[in-house]
PDB file of N, CA and C in Angstrom:
ATOM      1  N   UNK A   1      65.522   6.535 -13.364  1.00  0.00           N
ATOM      2  CA  UNK A   1      66.293   7.435 -12.811  1.00  0.00           C
ATOM      3  C   UNK A   1      67.643   7.357 -12.951  1.00  0.00           C
ATOM      4  N   UNK A   2      68.584   8.692 -13.041  1.00  0.00           N
ATOM      5  CA  UNK A   2      70.100   8.628 -13.024  1.00  0.00           C
ATOM      6  C   UNK A   2      70.479   8.165 -11.550  1.00  0.00           C
ATOM      7  N   UNK A   3      71.528   7.143 -11.726  1.00  0.00           N
ATOM      8  CA  UNK A   3      72.214   6.860 -10.495  1.00  0.00           C
ATOM      9  C   UNK A   3      73.137   8.051 -10.071  1.00  0.00           C
ATOM     10  N   UNK A   4      73.088   8.368  -8.759  1.00  0.00           N
ATOM     11  CA  UNK A   4      74.232   9.418  -8.094  1.00  0.00           C
ATOM     12  C   UNK A   4      75.242   8.774  -7.125  1.00  0.00           C
ATOM     13  N   UNK A   5      76.087   9.400  -7.309  1.00  0.00           N
ATOM     14  CA  UNK A   5      77.332   9.197  -6.076  1.00  0.00           C
ATOM     15  C   UNK A   5      77.531  10.650  -5.525  1.00  0.00           C
ATOM     16  N   UNK A   6      78.405  10.392  -4.284  1.00  0.00           N
ATOM     17  CA  UNK A   6      78.487  11.527  -3.609  1.00  0.00           C
ATOM     18  C   UNK A   6      80.089  11.709  -2.970  1.00  0.00           C
ATOM     19  N   UNK A   7      80.400  12.713  -3.967  1.00  0.00           N
ATOM     20  CA  UNK A   7      81.952  13.108  -3.580  1.00  0.00           C
ATOM     21  C   UNK A   7      81.937  14.278  -2.371  1.00  0.00           C
ATOM     22  N   UNK A   8      82.639  13.842  -1.258  1.00  0.00           N
ATOM     23  CA  UNK A   8      82.692  14.401  -0.082  1.00  0.00           C
ATOM     24  C   UNK A   8      83.444  15.935   0.092  1.00  0.00           C
ATOM     25  N   UNK A   9      85.132  15.362  -0.751  1.00  0.00           N
ATOM     26  CA  UNK A   9      85.748  16.442  -0.748  1.00  0.00           C
ATOM     27  C   UNK A   9      86.412  16.946  -1.965  1.00  0.00           C
ATOM     28  N   UNK A  10      86.916  18.071  -2.385  1.00  0.00           N
ATOM     29  CA  UNK A  10      87.008  18.240  -3.875  1.00  0.00           C
ATOM     30  C   UNK A  10      88.431  17.453  -4.108  1.00  0.00           C
ATOM     31  N   UNK A  11      89.237  16.955  -2.867  1.00  0.00           N
ATOM     32  CA  UNK A  11      90.722  16.373  -3.119  1.00  0.00           C
ATOM     33  C   UNK A  11      90.246  14.733  -3.593  1.00  0.00           C
ATOM     34  N   UNK A  12      88.914  14.219  -3.090  1.00  0.00           N
ATOM     35  CA  UNK A  12      88.633  12.906  -3.199  1.00  0.00           C
ATOM     36  C   UNK A  12      88.582  12.582  -4.738  1.00  0.00           C
ATOM     37  N   UNK A  13      89.411  11.064  -4.635  1.00  0.00           N
ATOM     38  CA  UNK A  13      89.283  10.647  -5.931  1.00  0.00           C
ATOM     39  C   UNK A  13      88.246   9.637  -6.245  1.00  0.00           C
ATOM     40  N   UNK A  14      87.593   9.392  -5.319  1.00  0.00           N
ATOM     41  CA  UNK A  14      86.196   8.365  -5.316  1.00  0.00           C
ATOM     42  C   UNK A  14      85.175   9.021  -4.621  1.00  0.00           C
ATOM     43  N   UNK A  15      84.205   8.528  -5.090  1.00  0.00           N
ATOM     44  CA  UNK A  15      82.961   8.923  -4.700  1.00  0.00           C
ATOM     45  C   UNK A  15      81.834   7.941  -4.229  1.00  0.00           C
ATOM     46  N   UNK A  16      80.805   7.925  -3.219  1.00  0.00           N
ATOM     47  CA  UNK A  16      80.269   6.753  -2.944  1.00  0.00           C
ATOM     48  C   UNK A  16      78.739   6.730  -3.657  1.00  0.00           C
ATOM     49  N   UNK A  17      78.619   5.609  -4.209  1.00  0.00           N
ATOM     50  CA  UNK A  17      77.332   5.014  -4.974  1.00  0.00           C
ATOM     51  C   UNK A  17      75.971   5.229  -3.891  1.00  0.00           C
ATOM     52  N   UNK A  18      74.953   6.059  -4.365  1.00  0.00           N
ATOM     53  CA  UNK A  18      73.692   6.144  -3.567  1.00  0.00           C
ATOM     54  C   UNK A  18      72.665   5.490  -4.086  1.00  0.00           C
ATOM     55  N   UNK A  19      72.817   4.795  -5.452  1.00  0.00           N
ATOM     56  CA  UNK A  19      71.956   3.575  -5.596  1.00  0.00           C
ATOM     57  C   UNK A  19      72.774   2.681  -6.454  1.00  0.00           C
ATOM     58  N   UNK A  20      72.336   1.432  -6.861  1.00  0.00           N
ATOM     59  CA  UNK A  20      73.413   0.689  -7.768  1.00  0.00           C
ATOM     60  C   UNK A  20      73.070   1.247  -9.133  1.00  0.00           C
ATOM     61  N   UNK A  21      74.271   0.738  -9.725  1.00  0.00           N
ATOM     62  CA  UNK A  21      74.709   1.497 -11.158  1.00  0.00           C
ATOM     63  C   UNK A  21      75.172   0.080 -12.153  1.00  0.00           C
ATOM     64  N   UNK A  22      74.261   0.080 -13.217  1.00  0.00           N
ATOM     65  CA  UNK A  22      75.017  -0.949 -14.077  1.00  0.00           C
ATOM     66  C   UNK A  22      76.308  -0.630 -14.607  1.00  0.00           C
ATOM     67  N   UNK A  23      76.735  -1.582 -15.792  1.00  0.00           N
ATOM     68  CA  UNK A  23      77.976  -0.946 -16.516  1.00  0.00           C
ATOM     69  C   UNK A  23      77.428  -0.240 -17.446  1.00  0.00           C
ATOM     70  N   UNK A  24      78.443   0.844 -17.723  1.00  0.00           N
ATOM     71  CA  UNK A  24      78.103   1.696 -18.851  1.00  0.00           C
ATOM     72  C   UNK A  24      76.992   2.766 -18.591  1.00  0.00           C
ATOM     73  N   UNK A  25      76.994   3.046 -17.066  1.00  0.00           N
ATOM     74  CA  UNK A  25      75.870   4.239 -16.873  1.00  0.00           C
ATOM     75  C   UNK A  25      76.759   5.162 -16.665  1.00  0.00           C
ATOM     76  N   UNK A  26      75.893   6.312 -16.850  1.00  0.00           N
ATOM     77  CA  UNK A  26      76.335   7.897 -16.636  1.00  0.00           C
ATOM     78  C   UNK A  26      75.723   8.082 -15.303  1.00  0.00           C
ATOM     79  N   UNK A  27      76.993   8.295 -14.205  1.00  0.00           N
ATOM     80  CA  UNK A  27      76.494   8.424 -12.939  1.00  0.00           C
ATOM     81  C   UNK A  27      76.637   9.838 -12.553  1.00  0.00           C
ATOM     82  N   UNK A  28      75.560  10.447 -12.080  1.00  0.00           N
ATOM     83  CA  UNK A  28      75.958  11.917 -11.483  1.00  0.00           C
ATOM     84  C   UNK A  28      76.413  12.094 -10.380  1.00  0.00           C
ATOM     85  N   UNK A  29      77.180  12.924 -10.441  1.00  0.00           N
ATOM     86  CA  UNK A  29      78.343  13.256  -9.268  1.00  0.00           C
ATOM     87  C   UNK A  29      77.888  14.466  -8.384  1.00  0.00           C
ATOM     88  N   UNK A  30      77.350  14.266  -7.361  1.00  0.00           N
ATOM     89  CA  UNK A  30      76.921  15.175  -6.228  1.00  0.00           C
ATOM     90  C   UNK A  30      77.720  15.495  -5.213  1.00  0.00           C
ATOM     91  N   UNK A  31      77.390  16.653  -4.310  1.00  0.00           N
ATOM     92  CA  UNK A  31      77.928  17.005  -3.349  1.00  0.00           C
ATOM     93  C   UNK A  31      78.763  18.276  -3.694  1.00  0.00           C
ATOM     94  N   UNK A  32      79.455  18.963  -2.587  1.00  0.00           N
ATOM     95  CA  UNK A  32      79.986  20.523  -3.015  1.00  0.00           C
ATOM     96  C   UNK A  32      81.227  20.213  -3.812  1.00  0.00           C
ATOM     97  N   UNK A  33      81.688  19.161  -3.772  1.00  0.00           N
ATOM     98  CA  UNK A  33      82.944  19.043  -4.720  1.00  0.00           C
ATOM     99  C   UNK A  33      82.592  18.442  -6.088  1.00  0.00           C
ATOM    100  N   UNK A  34      81.321  18.147  -6.268  1.00  0.00           N
ATOM    101  CA  UNK A  34      80.839  17.605  -7.537  1.00  0.00           C
ATOM    102  C   UNK A  34      81.417  18.209  -8.647  1.00  0.00           C
ATOM    103  N   UNK A  35      81.668  17.324  -9.851  1.00  0.00           N
ATOM    104  CA  UNK A  35      82.453  17.750 -11.199  1.00  0.00           C
ATOM    105  C   UNK A  35      81.604  17.444 -12.323  1.00  0.00           C
ATOM    106  N   UNK A  36      80.103  16.894 -12.274  1.00  0.00           N
ATOM    107  CA  UNK A  36      79.556  16.550 -13.114  1.00  0.00           C
ATOM    108  C   UNK A  36      79.096  15.083 -13.234  1.00  0.00           C
ATOM    109  N   UNK A  37      79.656  14.213 -14.183  1.00  0.00           N
ATOM    110  CA  UNK A  37      79.238  12.764 -14.280  1.00  0.00           C
ATOM    111  C   UNK A  37      80.791  11.960 -14.307  1.00  0.00           C
ATOM    112  N   UNK A  38      80.214  10.954 -14.183  1.00  0.00           N
ATOM    113  CA  UNK A  38      81.316   9.599 -14.254  1.00  0.00           C
ATOM    114  C   UNK A  38      80.714   8.269 -14.934  1.00  0.00           C
ATOM    115  N   UNK A  39      81.006   7.927 -15.883  1.00  0.00           N
ATOM    116  CA  UNK A  39      80.502   6.689 -16.660  1.00  0.00           C
ATOM    117  C   UNK A  39      81.236   5.246 -16.044  1.00  0.00           C
ATOM    118  N   UNK A  40      80.250   4.500 -15.221  1.00  0.00           N
ATOM    119  CA  UNK A  40      80.719   3.048 -14.655  1.00  0.00           C
ATOM    120  C   UNK A  40      81.046   2.554 -16.084  1.00  0.00           C
ATOM    121  N   UNK A  41      82.206   1.657 -15.438  1.00  0.00           N
ATOM    122  CA  UNK A  41      82.528   0.620 -16.410  1.00  0.00           C
ATOM    123  C   UNK A  41      82.181  -0.513 -16.133  1.00  0.00           C
ATOM    124  N   UNK A  42      81.644  -0.923 -14.944  1.00  0.00           N
ATOM    125  CA  UNK A  42      81.379  -2.169 -14.559  1.00  0.00           C
ATOM    126  C   UNK A  42      80.107  -1.836 -13.396  1.00  0.00           C
ATOM    127  N   UNK A  43      79.323  -3.014 -13.351  1.00  0.00           N
ATOM    128  CA  UNK A  43      78.243  -2.730 -12.312  1.00  0.00           C
ATOM    129  C   UNK A  43      78.770  -2.442 -10.790  1.00  0.00           C
ATOM    130  N   UNK A  44      78.162  -1.565 -10.206  1.00  0.00           N
ATOM    131  CA  UNK A  44      78.837  -0.904  -8.781  1.00  0.00           C
ATOM    132  C   UNK A  44      77.432  -1.117  -7.998  1.00  0.00           C
ATOM    133  N   UNK A  45      77.508  -1.284  -6.746  1.00  0.00           N
ATOM    134  CA  UNK A  45      76.304  -1.704  -5.851  1.00  0.00           C
ATOM    135  C   UNK A  45      76.177  -0.192  -4.971  1.00  0.00           C
ATOM    136  N   UNK A  46      75.083  -0.011  -4.145  1.00  0.00           N
ATOM    137  CA  UNK A  46      75.100   1.119  -3.585  1.00  0.00           C
ATOM    138  C   UNK A  46      76.007   1.110  -2.180  1.00  0.00           C
ATOM    139  N   UNK A  47      76.730   2.220  -1.971  1.00  0.00           N
ATOM    140  CA  UNK A  47      77.654   2.102  -1.040  1.00  0.00           C
ATOM    141  C   UNK A  47      78.556   2.118  -1.015  1.00  0.00           C
ATOM    142  N   UNK A  48      79.161   1.205  -2.406  1.00  0.00           N
ATOM    143  CA  UNK A  48      80.434   1.201  -2.662  1.00  0.00           C
ATOM    144  C   UNK A  48      81.239   2.366  -3.370  1.00  0.00           C
ATOM    145  N   UNK A  49      82.260   2.513  -3.240  1.00  0.00           N
ATOM    146  CA  UNK A  49      83.101   3.661  -4.079  1.00  0.00           C
ATOM    147  C   UNK A  49      83.373   3.276  -5.626  1.00  0.00           C
ATOM    148  N   UNK A  50      83.433   4.480  -6.451  1.00  0.00           N
ATOM    149  CA  UNK A  50      83.824   4.527  -7.773  1.00  0.00           C
ATOM    150  C   UNK A  50      84.799   5.435  -7.835  1.00  0.00           C
ATOM    151  N   UNK A  51      85.748   5.490  -8.764  1.00  0.00           N
ATOM    152  CA  UNK A  51      86.675   6.228  -9.013  1.00  0.00           C
ATOM    153  C   UNK A  51      86.309   7.390  -9.834  1.00  0.00           C
ATOM    154  N   UNK A  52      86.485   8.209  -9.343  1.00  0.00           N
ATOM    155  CA  UNK A  52      86.033   9.764 -10.270  1.00  0.00           C
ATOM    156  C   UNK A  52      87.056  10.523 -11.456  1.00  0.00           C
ATOM    157  N   UNK A  53      88.226   9.744 -10.963  1.00  0.00           N
ATOM    158  CA  UNK A  53      89.406  10.019 -11.899  1.00  0.00           C
ATOM    159  C   UNK A  53      90.254   8.778 -11.795  1.00  0.00           C
ATOM    160  N   UNK A  54      91.419   8.476 -13.049  1.00  0.00           N
ATOM    161  CA  UNK A  54      91.967   7.872 -12.951  1.00  0.00           C
ATOM    162  C   UNK A  54      93.018   7.679 -11.784  1.00  0.00           C
ATOM    163  N   UNK A  55      93.225   6.494 -11.100  1.00  0.00           N
ATOM    164  CA  UNK A  55      94.221   6.738  -9.969  1.00  0.00           C
ATOM    165  C   UNK A  55      95.393   5.409 -10.329  1.00  0.00           C
ATOM    166  N   UNK A  56      96.531   6.144 -10.251  1.00  0.00           N
ATOM    167  CA  UNK A  56      97.887   5.074 -10.338  1.00  0.00           C
ATOM    168  C   UNK A  56      97.977   4.060  -9.197  1.00  0.00           C
ATOM    169  N   UNK A  57      98.821   3.083 -10.117  1.00  0.00           N
ATOM    170  CA  UNK A  57      99.440   2.336  -8.765  1.00  0.00           C
ATOM    171  C   UNK A  57     100.121   2.679  -7.884  1.00  0.00           C
ATOM    172  N   UNK A  58      99.902   2.167  -6.605  1.00  0.00           N
ATOM    173  CA  UNK A  58     100.704   3.165  -5.583  1.00  0.00           C
ATOM    174  C   UNK A  58     100.168   4.342  -5.130  1.00  0.00           C
ATOM    175  N   UNK A  59      99.047   4.971  -5.894  1.00  0.00           N
ATOM    176  CA  UNK A  59      98.157   6.201  -5.599  1.00  0.00           C
ATOM    177  C   UNK A  59      97.498   6.135  -4.467  1.00  0.00           C
ATOM    178  N   UNK A  60      97.462   7.284  -3.425  1.00  0.00           N
ATOM    179  CA  UNK A  60      96.398   7.087  -2.321  1.00  0.00           C
ATOM    180  C   UNK A  60      94.868   7.070  -2.719  1.00  0.00           C
ATOM    181  N   UNK A  61      94.203   6.448  -2.422  1.00  0.00           N
ATOM    182  CA  UNK A  61      92.534   6.510  -2.615  1.00  0.00           C
ATOM    183  C   UNK A  61      92.290   7.439  -1.441  1.00  0.00           C
ATOM    184  N   UNK A  62      91.296   8.643  -1.696  1.00  0.00           N
ATOM    185  CA  UNK A  62      91.286   9.806  -1.101  1.00  0.00           C
ATOM    186  C   UNK A  62      89.894   9.806  -0.983  1.00  0.00           C
ATOM    187  N   UNK A  63      89.194   9.682   0.631  1.00  0.00           N
ATOM    188  CA  UNK A  63      87.711  10.100   0.631  1.00  0.00           C
ATOM    189  C   UNK A  63      87.854  10.591   1.954  1.00  0.00           C
ATOM    190  N   UNK A  64      86.821  11.739   1.916  1.00  0.00           N
ATOM    191  CA  UNK A  64      86.632  12.683   3.151  1.00  0.00           C
ATOM    192  C   UNK A  64      88.007  13.510   3.167  1.00  0.00           C
ATOM    193  N   UNK A  65      88.659  13.419   2.318  1.00  0.00           N
ATOM    194  CA  UNK A  65      89.970  14.762   2.040  1.00  0.00           C
ATOM    195  C   UNK A  65      91.119  13.889   2.595  1.00  0.00           C
ATOM    196  N   UNK A  66      90.789  12.705   2.986  1.00  0.00           N
ATOM    197  CA  UNK A  66      91.895  11.971   3.710  1.00  0.00           C
ATOM    198  C   UNK A  66      92.191  10.526   3.155  1.00  0.00           C
ATOM    199  N   UNK A  67      93.381  10.076   2.935  1.00  0.00           N
ATOM    200  CA  UNK A  67      93.984   9.144   2.424  1.00  0.00           C
ATOM    201  C   UNK A  67      93.652   7.765   3.098  1.00  0.00           C
ATOM    202  N   UNK A  68      92.583   7.163   2.398  1.00  0.00           N
ATOM    203  CA  UNK A  68      91.858   5.893   3.182  1.00  0.00           C
ATOM    204  C   UNK A  68      92.565   4.354   2.996  1.00  0.00           C
ATOM    205  N   UNK A  69      93.399   4.596   1.642  1.00  0.00           N
ATOM    206  CA  UNK A  69      93.977   3.460   1.289  1.00  0.00           C
ATOM    207  C   UNK A  69      94.857   3.502   0.125  1.00  0.00           C
ATOM    208  N   UNK A  70      95.376   2.527  -0.487  1.00  0.00           N
ATOM    209  CA  UNK A  70      96.174   2.661  -1.892  1.00  0.00           C
ATOM    210  C   UNK A  70      95.946   1.871  -3.154  1.00  0.00           C
ATOM    211  N   UNK A  71      96.226   2.097  -4.033  1.00  0.00           N
ATOM    212  CA  UNK A  71      95.927   1.492  -5.603  1.00  0.00           C
ATOM    213  C   UNK A  71      96.833   0.437  -5.657  1.00  0.00           C
ATOM    214  N   UNK A  72      96.547  -0.937  -5.528  1.00  0.00           N
ATOM    215  CA  UNK A  72      97.707  -1.514  -5.778  1.00  0.00           C
ATOM    216  C   UNK A  72      97.522  -2.094  -7.320  1.00  0.00           C
ATOM    217  N   UNK A  73      96.899  -1.344  -8.064  1.00  0.00           N
ATOM    218  CA  UNK A  73      97.105  -1.255  -9.749  1.00  0.00           C
ATOM    219  C   UNK A  73      96.234  -0.145 -10.295  1.00  0.00           C
ATOM    220  N   UNK A  74      96.764  -0.036 -11.489  1.00  0.00           N
ATOM    221  CA  UNK A  74      95.595   1.346 -11.869  1.00  0.00           C
ATOM    222  C   UNK A  74      94.877   1.299 -11.802  1.00  0.00           C
ATOM    223  N   UNK A  75      93.819   2.081 -11.524  1.00  0.00           N
ATOM    224  CA  UNK A  75      92.303   1.996 -11.617  1.00  0.00           C
ATOM    225  C   UNK A  75      91.771   3.234 -12.598  1.00  0.00           C
ATOM    226  N   UNK A  76      90.942   2.618 -13.347  1.00  0.00           N
ATOM    227  CA  UNK A  76      90.501   3.394 -14.215  1.00  0.00           C
ATOM    228  C   UNK A  76      89.070   4.462 -13.750  1.00  0.00           C
ATOM    229  N   UNK A  77      89.043   5.565 -14.426  1.00  0.00           N
ATOM    230  CA  UNK A  77      87.877   6.430 -13.898  1.00  0.00           C
ATOM    231  C   UNK A  77      86.525   5.613 -13.994  1.00  0.00           C
ATOM    232  N   UNK A  78      85.768   5.307 -13.151  1.00  0.00           N
ATOM    233  CA  UNK A  78      84.158   4.726 -13.450  1.00  0.00           C
ATOM    234  C   UNK A  78      84.484   3.038 -12.637  1.00  0.00           C
ATOM    235  N   UNK A  79      85.727   3.034 -12.661  1.00  0.00           N
ATOM    236  CA  UNK A  79      85.843   1.599 -12.082  1.00  0.00           C
ATOM    237  C   UNK A  79      85.281   1.410 -10.453  1.00  0.00           C
ATOM    238  N   UNK A  80      85.010   0.494 -10.075  1.00  0.00           N
ATOM    239  CA  UNK A  80      84.573   0.002  -8.746  1.00  0.00           C
ATOM    240  C   UNK A  80      86.132   0.064  -7.528  1.00  0.00           C
ATOM    241  N   UNK A  81      85.966   0.795  -6.989  1.00  0.00           N
ATOM    242  CA  UNK A  81      87.111   0.831  -6.018  1.00  0.00           C
ATOM    243  C   UNK A  81      87.010  -0.372  -4.744  1.00  0.00           C
ATOM    244  N   UNK A  82      87.352  -1.165  -4.492  1.00  0.00           N
ATOM    245  CA  UNK A  82      87.394  -2.023  -3.636  1.00  0.00           C
ATOM    246  C   UNK A  82      88.773  -2.700  -3.342  1.00  0.00           C
ATOM    247  N   UNK A  83      88.251  -3.919  -2.450  1.00  0.00           N
ATOM    248  CA  UNK A  83      89.293  -4.867  -2.101  1.00  0.00           C
ATOM    249  C   UNK A  83      90.297  -5.455  -3.134  1.00  0.00           C
ATOM    250  N   UNK A  84      89.614  -5.847  -4.280  1.00  0.00           N
ATOM    251  CA  UNK A  84      90.634  -6.310  -5.365  1.00  0.00           C
ATOM    252  C   UNK A  84      91.619  -5.273  -6.058  1.00  0.00           C
ATOM    253  N   UNK A  85      91.353  -4.102  -5.959  1.00  0.00           N
ATOM    254  CA  UNK A  85      92.327  -2.920  -6.610  1.00  0.00           C
ATOM    255  C   UNK A  85      92.753  -1.972  -5.216  1.00  0.00           C
ATOM    256  N   UNK A  86      92.660  -2.086  -3.968  1.00  0.00           N
ATOM    257  CA  UNK A  86      93.445  -1.379  -3.251  1.00  0.00           C
ATOM    258  C   UNK A  86      93.505  -2.104  -1.790  1.00  0.00           C
ATOM    259  N   UNK A  87      94.596  -1.243  -1.361  1.00  0.00           N
ATOM    260  CA  UNK A  87      94.509  -1.943   0.184  1.00  0.00           C
ATOM    261  C   UNK A  87      94.336  -0.751   0.870  1.00  0.00           C
ATOM    262  N   UNK A  88      93.701  -1.210   2.485  1.00  0.00           N
ATOM    263  CA  UNK A  88      93.913  -0.113   3.306  1.00  0.00           C
ATOM    264  C   UNK A  88      94.978   0.356   4.086  1.00  0.00           C
ATOM    265  N   UNK A  89      94.735   1.597   4.274  1.00  0.00           N
ATOM    266  CA  UNK A  89      95.838   2.402   5.039  1.00  0.00           C
ATOM    267  C   UNK A  89      95.535   2.096   6.560  1.00  0.00           C
ATOM    268  N   UNK A  90      94.747   1.860   6.974  1.00  0.00           N
ATOM    269  CA  UNK A  90      94.235   1.576   8.217  1.00  0.00           C
ATOM    270  C   UNK A  90      94.943   0.365   9.164  1.00  0.00           C
ATOM    271  N   UNK A  91      94.800  -1.073   8.630  1.00  0.00           N
ATOM    272  CA  UNK A  91      95.655  -2.056   9.341  1.00  0.00           C
ATOM    273  C   UNK A  91      95.725  -3.194   8.363  1.00  0.00           C
ATOM    274  N   UNK A  92      96.388  -4.070   8.547  1.00  0.00           N
ATOM    275  CA  UNK A  92      96.662  -5.089   7.598  1.00  0.00           C
ATOM    276  C   UNK A  92      95.455  -6.256   7.253  1.00  0.00           C
ATOM    277  N   UNK A  93      94.655  -6.366   8.462  1.00  0.00           N
ATOM    278  CA  UNK A  93      93.587  -7.328   8.086  1.00  0.00           C
ATOM    279  C   UNK A  93      92.507  -6.553   7.349  1.00  0.00           C
ATOM    280  N   UNK A  94      92.257  -5.525   7.760  1.00  0.00           N
ATOM    281  CA  UNK A  94      91.206  -4.893   6.873  1.00  0.00           C
ATOM    282  C   UNK A  94      91.368  -4.803   4.957  1.00  0.00           C
ATOM    283  N   UNK A  95      92.831  -4.926   4.851  1.00  0.00           N
ATOM    284  CA  UNK A  95      92.998  -4.986   3.343  1.00  0.00           C
ATOM    285  C   UNK A  95      92.721  -6.726   2.684  1.00  0.00           C
ATOM    286  N   UNK A  96      92.305  -7.792   4.121  1.00  0.00           N
ATOM    287  CA  UNK A  96      92.245  -9.044   3.467  1.00  0.00           C
ATOM    288  C   UNK A  96      90.672  -9.322   3.847  1.00  0.00           C
ATOM    289  N   UNK A  97      89.535  -8.643   3.840  1.00  0.00           N
ATOM    290  CA  UNK A  97      88.299  -8.821   4.154  1.00  0.00           C
ATOM    291  C   UNK A  97      87.791  -9.290   2.868  1.00  0.00           C
ATOM    292  N   UNK A  98      86.638 -10.373   3.053  1.00  0.00           N
ATOM    293  CA  UNK A  98      86.104 -11.094   2.149  1.00  0.00           C
ATOM    294  C   UNK A  98      85.788 -10.014   1.050  1.00  0.00           C
ATOM    295  N   UNK A  99      85.496 -10.166  -0.365  1.00  0.00           N
ATOM    296  CA  UNK A  99      85.366  -9.274  -1.280  1.00  0.00           C
ATOM    297  C   UNK A  99      84.121  -8.840  -1.380  1.00  0.00           C
ATOM    298  N   UNK A 100      83.125  -9.589  -1.148  1.00  0.00           N
ATOM    299  CA  UNK A 100      81.362  -9.561  -1.171  1.00  0.00           C
ATOM    300  C   UNK A 100      80.918  -9.147   0.228  1.00  0.00           C
ATOM    301  N   UNK A 101      81.418 -10.157   1.171  1.00  0.00           N
ATOM    302  CA  UNK A 101      80.641  -9.731   2.608  1.00  0.00           C
ATOM    303  C   UNK A 101      81.344  -8.452   3.455  1.00  0.00           C
ATOM    304  N   UNK A 102      82.622  -8.368   3.187  1.00  0.00           N
ATOM    305  CA  UNK A 102      83.358  -7.476   4.137  1.00  0.00           C
ATOM    306  C   UNK A 102      83.981  -8.294   5.603  1.00  0.00           C
ATOM    307  N   UNK A 103      83.572  -9.425   5.495  1.00  0.00           N
ATOM    308  CA  UNK A 103      83.644 -10.319   6.768  1.00  0.00           C
ATOM    309  C   UNK A 103      85.345 -10.604   6.950  1.00  0.00           C
ATOM    310  N   UNK A 104      85.922 -10.753   7.851  1.00  0.00           N
ATOM    311  CA  UNK A 104      87.391 -11.284   8.224  1.00  0.00           C
ATOM    312  C   UNK A 104      87.330 -12.853   7.488  1.00  0.00           C
ATOM    313  N   UNK A 105      88.227 -13.210   6.929  1.00  0.00           N
ATOM    314  CA  UNK A 105      88.272 -14.321   6.086  1.00  0.00           C
ATOM    315  C   UNK A 105      88.435 -15.566   6.919  1.00  0.00           C
ATOM    316  N   UNK A 106      88.990 -15.800   8.126  1.00  0.00           N
ATOM    317  CA  UNK A 106      88.658 -16.649   8.876  1.00  0.00           C
ATOM    318  C   UNK A 106      87.288 -16.879   9.536  1.00  0.00           C
ATOM    319  N   UNK A 107      86.299 -16.219   9.309  1.00  0.00           N
ATOM    320  CA  UNK A 107      84.986 -16.261   9.791  1.00  0.00           C
ATOM    321  C   UNK A 107      84.372 -17.205   9.000  1.00  0.00           C
ATOM    322  N   UNK A 108      83.705 -18.230   9.813  1.00  0.00           N
ATOM    323  CA  UNK A 108      82.812 -19.234   9.294  1.00  0.00           C
ATOM    324  C   UNK A 108      81.667 -18.984   9.200  1.00  0.00           C
ATOM    325  N   UNK A 109      80.700 -19.387   8.264  1.00  0.00           N
ATOM    326  CA  UNK A 109      79.152 -19.086   8.434  1.00  0.00           C
ATOM    327  C   UNK A 109      78.799 -20.845   8.543  1.00  0.00           C
ATOM    328  N   UNK A 110      77.688 -20.766   9.447  1.00  0.00           N
ATOM    329  CA  UNK A 110      77.028 -22.078   9.495  1.00  0.00           C
ATOM    330  C   UNK A 110      76.010 -22.088   8.116  1.00  0.00           C
TER     331      UNK A 110
END
């Protein structure tokens, strides 16, 4: 079954994966603003964002038609969009969460 991602608004430059996608996979973009498919350039897990267009360094990451972050380096179409290539526009702490778990870095697990 072809993986899908959901693009919420026409202005969004990212979409959210609805199932895991392997590298070099064509992902169908669905939603009112959908524009066809995007090819993943790396594995991306369900619930994470994929760039549906190239995003320049310093450019806003747009989801819900609203800027939620900023690219800290160029992001290619089909690339996983997460803490390694963008920073939050919400607050400083949310830009420094653990890449895999999303936990605050000062949190310790037993």
